[in-house]
Amino acid sequence: MTRHEFTVEGMSCGGCEQNVADALTELDDVESVEADHEGNRVTVSLAEDVPEGNLTAAIEAAGYDVVS
């Protein structure tokens, strides 16, 4: 299992956490997503490695900013 962790700005509530989780779980090989709006963190667990750019694109498409 591979894990990626991101700092994400723009999440302000549990609904935002769910929006990010929904966007990421639509990608192949994503097993789970833990989003924390208070800590501005998103952790993604993958069955197979997925290019990080695909993950950040999904988060940004949902309306949130990934901070590098």
PDB file of N, CA and C in Angstrom:
ATOM      1  N   MET A   1       0.843  -1.172   0.000  1.00  0.00           N
ATOM      2  CA  MET A   1       0.000   0.000   0.000  1.00  0.00           C
ATOM      3  C   MET A   1       0.893   1.240   0.000  1.00  0.00           C
ATOM      4  N   THR A   2       0.494   2.232  -0.763  1.00  0.00           N
ATOM      5  CA  THR A   2       1.209   3.498  -0.857  1.00  0.00           C
ATOM      6  C   THR A   2       0.351   4.584  -0.229  1.00  0.00           C
ATOM      7  N   ARG A   3       1.018   5.516   0.462  1.00  0.00           N
ATOM      8  CA  ARG A   3       0.282   6.635   1.067  1.00  0.00           C
ATOM      9  C   ARG A   3       0.878   7.957   0.592  1.00  0.00           C
ATOM     10  N   HIS A   4       0.002   8.912   0.342  1.00  0.00           N
ATOM     11  CA  HIS A   4       0.412  10.277   0.008  1.00  0.00           C
ATOM     12  C   HIS A   4      -0.288  11.208   0.987  1.00  0.00           C
ATOM     13  N   GLU A   5       0.437  12.211   1.457  1.00  0.00           N
ATOM     14  CA  GLU A   5      -0.149  13.196   2.353  1.00  0.00           C
ATOM     15  C   GLU A   5       0.006  14.580   1.741  1.00  0.00           C
ATOM     16  N   PHE A   6      -1.059  15.368   1.830  1.00  0.00           N
ATOM     17  CA  PHE A   6      -1.076  16.699   1.232  1.00  0.00           C
ATOM     18  C   PHE A   6      -1.551  17.730   2.246  1.00  0.00           C
ATOM     19  N   THR A   7      -1.037  18.946   2.113  1.00  0.00           N
ATOM     20  CA  THR A   7      -1.595  20.094   2.813  1.00  0.00           C
ATOM     21  C   THR A   7      -2.574  20.734   1.844  1.00  0.00           C
ATOM     22  N   VAL A   8      -3.809  20.887   2.289  1.00  0.00           N
ATOM     23  CA  VAL A   8      -4.874  21.379   1.416  1.00  0.00           C
ATOM     24  C   VAL A   8      -5.538  22.586   2.076  1.00  0.00           C
ATOM     25  N   GLU A   9      -5.597  23.685   1.346  1.00  0.00           N
ATOM     26  CA  GLU A   9      -6.252  24.890   1.841  1.00  0.00           C
ATOM     27  C   GLU A   9      -7.634  25.019   1.226  1.00  0.00           C
ATOM     28  N   GLY A  10      -8.533  25.620   1.984  1.00  0.00           N
ATOM     29  CA  GLY A  10      -9.872  25.871   1.487  1.00  0.00           C
ATOM     30  C   GLY A  10     -10.936  24.987   2.107  1.00  0.00           C
ATOM     31  N   MET A  11     -10.543  23.943   2.830  1.00  0.00           N
ATOM     32  CA  MET A  11     -11.528  23.101   3.507  1.00  0.00           C
ATOM     33  C   MET A  11     -11.916  23.796   4.817  1.00  0.00           C
ATOM     34  N   SER A  12     -13.217  23.970   5.046  1.00  0.00           N
ATOM     35  CA  SER A  12     -13.650  24.676   6.248  1.00  0.00           C
ATOM     36  C   SER A  12     -14.647  23.888   7.098  1.00  0.00           C
ATOM     37  N   CYS A  13     -15.036  22.704   6.622  1.00  0.00           N
ATOM     38  CA  CYS A  13     -16.038  21.937   7.364  1.00  0.00           C
ATOM     39  C   CYS A  13     -16.001  20.465   6.951  1.00  0.00           C
ATOM     40  N   GLY A  14     -16.837  19.687   7.589  1.00  0.00           N
ATOM     41  CA  GLY A  14     -16.930  18.271   7.259  1.00  0.00           C
ATOM     42  C   GLY A  14     -17.409  18.030   5.836  1.00  0.00           C
ATOM     43  N   GLY A  15     -18.246  18.925   5.328  1.00  0.00           N
ATOM     44  CA  GLY A  15     -18.702  18.804   3.948  1.00  0.00           C
ATOM     45  C   GLY A  15     -17.559  18.949   2.964  1.00  0.00           C
ATOM     46  N   CYS A  16     -16.633  19.854   3.276  1.00  0.00           N
ATOM     47  CA  CYS A  16     -15.446  20.028   2.434  1.00  0.00           C
ATOM     48  C   CYS A  16     -14.594  18.763   2.456  1.00  0.00           C
ATOM     49  N   GLU A  17     -14.451  18.181   3.639  1.00  0.00           N
ATOM     50  CA  GLU A  17     -13.695  16.932   3.754  1.00  0.00           C
ATOM     51  C   GLU A  17     -14.324  15.862   2.861  1.00  0.00           C
ATOM     52  N   GLN A  18     -15.649  15.793   2.871  1.00  0.00           N
ATOM     53  CA  GLN A  18     -16.340  14.794   2.062  1.00  0.00           C
ATOM     54  C   GLN A  18     -16.176  15.078   0.575  1.00  0.00           C
ATOM     55  N   ASN A  19     -16.199  16.345   0.186  1.00  0.00           N
ATOM     56  CA  ASN A  19     -15.996  16.696  -1.227  1.00  0.00           C
ATOM     57  C   ASN A  19     -14.635  16.218  -1.721  1.00  0.00           C
ATOM     58  N   VAL A  20     -13.605  16.437  -0.912  1.00  0.00           N
ATOM     59  CA  VAL A  20     -12.255  15.996  -1.286  1.00  0.00           C
ATOM     60  C   VAL A  20     -12.202  14.479  -1.351  1.00  0.00           C
ATOM     61  N   ALA A  21     -12.764  13.822  -0.343  1.00  0.00           N
ATOM     62  CA  ALA A  21     -12.764  12.357  -0.320  1.00  0.00           C
ATOM     63  C   ALA A  21     -13.498  11.786  -1.524  1.00  0.00           C
ATOM     64  N   ASP A  22     -14.638  12.364  -1.866  1.00  0.00           N
ATOM     65  CA  ASP A  22     -15.404  11.883  -3.018  1.00  0.00           C
ATOM     66  C   ASP A  22     -14.612  12.035  -4.313  1.00  0.00           C
ATOM     67  N   ALA A  23     -13.947  13.186  -4.470  1.00  0.00           N
ATOM     68  CA  ALA A  23     -13.167  13.427  -5.692  1.00  0.00           C
ATOM     69  C   ALA A  23     -12.027  12.423  -5.823  1.00  0.00           C
ATOM     70  N   LEU A  24     -11.378  12.114  -4.713  1.00  0.00           N
ATOM     71  CA  LEU A  24     -10.240  11.197  -4.757  1.00  0.00           C
ATOM     72  C   LEU A  24     -10.669   9.746  -4.922  1.00  0.00           C
ATOM     73  N   THR A  25     -11.773   9.358  -4.305  1.00  0.00           N
ATOM     74  CA  THR A  25     -12.181   7.956  -4.400  1.00  0.00           C
ATOM     75  C   THR A  25     -12.713   7.598  -5.782  1.00  0.00           C
ATOM     76  N   GLU A  26     -12.947   8.598  -6.629  1.00  0.00           N
ATOM     77  CA  GLU A  26     -13.340   8.312  -8.012  1.00  0.00           C
ATOM     78  C   GLU A  26     -12.154   7.809  -8.840  1.00  0.00           C
ATOM     79  N   LEU A  27     -10.933   8.024  -8.351  1.00  0.00           N
ATOM     80  CA  LEU A  27      -9.742   7.574  -9.066  1.00  0.00           C
ATOM     81  C   LEU A  27      -9.513   6.085  -8.824  1.00  0.00           C
ATOM     82  N   ASP A  28      -9.005   5.403  -9.829  1.00  0.00           N
ATOM     83  CA  ASP A  28      -8.676   3.985  -9.683  1.00  0.00           C
ATOM     84  C   ASP A  28      -7.580   3.819  -8.640  1.00  0.00           C
ATOM     85  N   ASP A  29      -7.642   2.738  -7.900  1.00  0.00           N
ATOM     86  CA  ASP A  29      -6.640   2.305  -6.931  1.00  0.00           C
ATOM     87  C   ASP A  29      -6.625   3.094  -5.629  1.00  0.00           C
ATOM     88  N   VAL A  30      -7.522   4.074  -5.448  1.00  0.00           N
ATOM     89  CA  VAL A  30      -7.605   4.767  -4.160  1.00  0.00           C
ATOM     90  C   VAL A  30      -8.415   3.891  -3.220  1.00  0.00           C
ATOM     91  N   GLU A  31      -7.785   3.510  -2.108  1.00  0.00           N
ATOM     92  CA  GLU A  31      -8.464   2.641  -1.143  1.00  0.00           C
ATOM     93  C   GLU A  31      -9.164   3.427  -0.054  1.00  0.00           C
ATOM     94  N   SER A  32      -8.523   4.495   0.444  1.00  0.00           N
ATOM     95  CA  SER A  32      -9.157   5.299   1.488  1.00  0.00           C
ATOM     96  C   SER A  32      -8.595   6.711   1.467  1.00  0.00           C
ATOM     97  N   VAL A  33      -9.393   7.617   2.027  1.00  0.00           N
ATOM     98  CA  VAL A  33      -9.005   9.022   2.124  1.00  0.00           C
ATOM     99  C   VAL A  33      -9.353   9.502   3.527  1.00  0.00           C
ATOM    100  N   GLU A  34      -8.390  10.150   4.162  1.00  0.00           N
ATOM    101  CA  GLU A  34      -8.630  10.792   5.451  1.00  0.00           C
ATOM    102  C   GLU A  34      -8.408  12.281   5.245  1.00  0.00           C
ATOM    103  N   ALA A  35      -9.467  13.080   5.399  1.00  0.00           N
ATOM    104  CA  ALA A  35      -9.359  14.526   5.236  1.00  0.00           C
ATOM    105  C   ALA A  35      -9.654  15.185   6.577  1.00  0.00           C
ATOM    106  N   ASP A  36      -8.846  16.177   6.933  1.00  0.00           N
ATOM    107  CA  ASP A  36      -8.985  16.894   8.198  1.00  0.00           C
ATOM    108  C   ASP A  36      -8.962  18.388   7.904  1.00  0.00           C
ATOM    109  N   HIS A  37     -10.135  19.023   7.928  1.00  0.00           N
ATOM    110  CA  HIS A  37     -10.190  20.448   7.605  1.00  0.00           C
ATOM    111  C   HIS A  37      -9.518  21.316   8.664  1.00  0.00           C
ATOM    112  N   GLU A  38      -9.512  20.878   9.908  1.00  0.00           N
ATOM    113  CA  GLU A  38      -8.879  21.666  10.967  1.00  0.00           C
ATOM    114  C   GLU A  38      -7.364  21.673  10.832  1.00  0.00           C
ATOM    115  N   GLY A  39      -6.798  20.567  10.387  1.00  0.00           N
ATOM    116  CA  GLY A  39      -5.350  20.470  10.212  1.00  0.00           C
ATOM    117  C   GLY A  39      -4.891  20.727   8.787  1.00  0.00           C
ATOM    118  N   ASN A  40      -5.857  20.969   7.894  1.00  0.00           N
ATOM    119  CA  ASN A  40      -5.555  21.188   6.469  1.00  0.00           C
ATOM    120  C   ASN A  40      -4.768  20.031   5.862  1.00  0.00           C
ATOM    121  N   ARG A  41      -5.075  18.803   6.276  1.00  0.00           N
ATOM    122  CA  ARG A  41      -4.343  17.625   5.808  1.00  0.00           C
ATOM    123  C   ARG A  41      -5.281  16.656   5.110  1.00  0.00           C
ATOM    124  N   VAL A  42      -4.748  16.028   4.062  1.00  0.00           N
ATOM    125  CA  VAL A  42      -5.452  14.941   3.373  1.00  0.00           C
ATOM    126  C   VAL A  42      -4.445  13.811   3.187  1.00  0.00           C
ATOM    127  N   THR A  43      -4.818  12.623   3.627  1.00  0.00           N
ATOM    128  CA  THR A  43      -3.981  11.439   3.458  1.00  0.00           C
ATOM    129  C   THR A  43      -4.736  10.453   2.581  1.00  0.00           C
ATOM    130  N   VAL A  44      -4.048   9.968   1.546  1.00  0.00           N
ATOM    131  CA  VAL A  44      -4.651   9.059   0.582  1.00  0.00           C
ATOM    132  C   VAL A  44      -3.894   7.735   0.618  1.00  0.00           C
ATOM    133  N   SER A  45      -4.612   6.639   0.798  1.00  0.00           N
ATOM    134  CA  SER A  45      -4.023   5.302   0.755  1.00  0.00           C
ATOM    135  C   SER A  45      -4.410   4.651  -0.568  1.00  0.00           C
ATOM    136  N   LEU A  46      -3.398   4.085  -1.221  1.00  0.00           N
ATOM    137  CA  LEU A  46      -3.582   3.539  -2.565  1.00  0.00           C
ATOM    138  C   LEU A  46      -3.200   2.072  -2.616  1.00  0.00           C
ATOM    139  N   ALA A  47      -3.934   1.290  -3.409  1.00  0.00           N
ATOM    140  CA  ALA A  47      -3.587  -0.108  -3.628  1.00  0.00           C
ATOM    141  C   ALA A  47      -2.338  -0.199  -4.497  1.00  0.00           C
ATOM    142  N   GLU A  48      -2.286   0.646  -5.503  1.00  0.00           N
ATOM    143  CA  GLU A  48      -1.143   0.728  -6.418  1.00  0.00           C
ATOM    144  C   GLU A  48      -0.732   2.184  -6.487  1.00  0.00           C
ATOM    145  N   ASP A  49       0.517   2.425  -6.845  1.00  0.00           N
ATOM    146  CA  ASP A  49       0.971   3.804  -6.913  1.00  0.00           C
ATOM    147  C   ASP A  49       0.248   4.540  -8.032  1.00  0.00           C
ATOM    148  N   VAL A  50      -0.253   5.715  -7.716  1.00  0.00           N
ATOM    149  CA  VAL A  50      -0.918   6.604  -8.662  1.00  0.00           C
ATOM    150  C   VAL A  50      -0.056   7.860  -8.745  1.00  0.00           C
ATOM    151  N   PRO A  51       0.168   8.403  -9.918  1.00  0.00           N
ATOM    152  CA  PRO A  51       0.969   9.623 -10.002  1.00  0.00           C
ATOM    153  C   PRO A  51       0.390  10.722  -9.109  1.00  0.00           C
ATOM    154  N   GLU A  52       1.271  11.367  -8.349  1.00  0.00           N
ATOM    155  CA  GLU A  52       0.842  12.397  -7.423  1.00  0.00           C
ATOM    156  C   GLU A  52       0.067  13.505  -8.136  1.00  0.00           C
ATOM    157  N   GLY A  53       0.445  13.790  -9.372  1.00  0.00           N
ATOM    158  CA  GLY A  53      -0.254  14.816 -10.140  1.00  0.00           C
ATOM    159  C   GLY A  53      -1.721  14.498 -10.354  1.00  0.00           C
ATOM    160  N   ASN A  54      -2.055  13.225 -10.482  1.00  0.00           N
ATOM    161  CA  ASN A  54      -3.455  12.822 -10.630  1.00  0.00           C
ATOM    162  C   ASN A  54      -4.241  13.111  -9.349  1.00  0.00           C
ATOM    163  N   LEU A  55      -3.581  12.891  -8.209  1.00  0.00           N
ATOM    164  CA  LEU A  55      -4.234  13.128  -6.925  1.00  0.00           C
ATOM    165  C   LEU A  55      -4.449  14.618  -6.697  1.00  0.00           C
ATOM    166  N   THR A  56      -3.416  15.409  -6.930  1.00  0.00           N
ATOM    167  CA  THR A  56      -3.554  16.849  -6.720  1.00  0.00           C
ATOM    168  C   THR A  56      -4.565  17.445  -7.702  1.00  0.00           C
ATOM    169  N   ALA A  57      -4.601  16.943  -8.925  1.00  0.00           N
ATOM    170  CA  ALA A  57      -5.577  17.435  -9.907  1.00  0.00           C
ATOM    171  C   ALA A  57      -7.003  17.171  -9.435  1.00  0.00           C
ATOM    172  N   ALA A  58      -7.246  16.020  -8.833  1.00  0.00           N
ATOM    173  CA  ALA A  58      -8.586  15.692  -8.339  1.00  0.00           C
ATOM    174  C   ALA A  58      -8.980  16.619  -7.191  1.00  0.00           C
ATOM    175  N   ILE A  59      -8.037  16.894  -6.294  1.00  0.00           N
ATOM    176  CA  ILE A  59      -8.314  17.802  -5.176  1.00  0.00           C
ATOM    177  C   ILE A  59      -8.611  19.206  -5.699  1.00  0.00           C
ATOM    178  N   GLU A  60      -7.806  19.669  -6.637  1.00  0.00           N
ATOM    179  CA  GLU A  60      -7.992  21.014  -7.183  1.00  0.00           C
ATOM    180  C   GLU A  60      -9.275  21.111  -8.008  1.00  0.00           C
ATOM    181  N   ALA A  61      -9.634  20.043  -8.703  1.00  0.00           N
ATOM    182  CA  ALA A  61     -10.883  20.036  -9.472  1.00  0.00           C
ATOM    183  C   ALA A  61     -12.097  20.131  -8.545  1.00  0.00           C
ATOM    184  N   ALA A  62     -11.930  19.663  -7.302  1.00  0.00           N
ATOM    185  CA  ALA A  62     -13.017  19.753  -6.325  1.00  0.00           C
ATOM    186  C   ALA A  62     -13.104  21.155  -5.708  1.00  0.00           C
ATOM    187  N   GLY A  63     -12.128  22.025  -6.050  1.00  0.00           N
ATOM    188  CA  GLY A  63     -12.206  23.414  -5.602  1.00  0.00           C
ATOM    189  C   GLY A  63     -11.283  23.792  -4.468  1.00  0.00           C
ATOM    190  N   TYR A  64     -10.277  22.974  -4.190  1.00  0.00           N
ATOM    191  CA  TYR A  64      -9.373  23.226  -3.072  1.00  0.00           C
ATOM    192  C   TYR A  64      -7.942  23.354  -3.573  1.00  0.00           C
ATOM    193  N   ASP A  65      -7.106  24.008  -2.781  1.00  0.00           N
ATOM    194  CA  ASP A  65      -5.722  24.261  -3.180  1.00  0.00           C
ATOM    195  C   ASP A  65      -4.763  23.335  -2.454  1.00  0.00           C
ATOM    196  N   VAL A  66      -3.912  22.658  -3.229  1.00  0.00           N
ATOM    197  CA  VAL A  66      -2.868  21.819  -2.660  1.00  0.00           C
ATOM    198  C   VAL A  66      -1.627  22.687  -2.497  1.00  0.00           C
ATOM    199  N   VAL A  67      -1.086  22.739  -1.281  1.00  0.00           N
ATOM    200  CA  VAL A  67       0.088  23.551  -0.991  1.00  0.00           C
ATOM    201  C   VAL A  67       1.308  22.659  -1.017  1.00  0.00           C
ATOM    202  N   SER A  68       2.344  23.090  -1.745  1.00  0.00           N
ATOM    203  CA  SER A  68       3.552  22.250  -1.805  1.00  0.00           C
ATOM    204  C   SER A  68       4.515  22.619  -0.715  1.00  0.00           C
TER     205      SER A  68
END
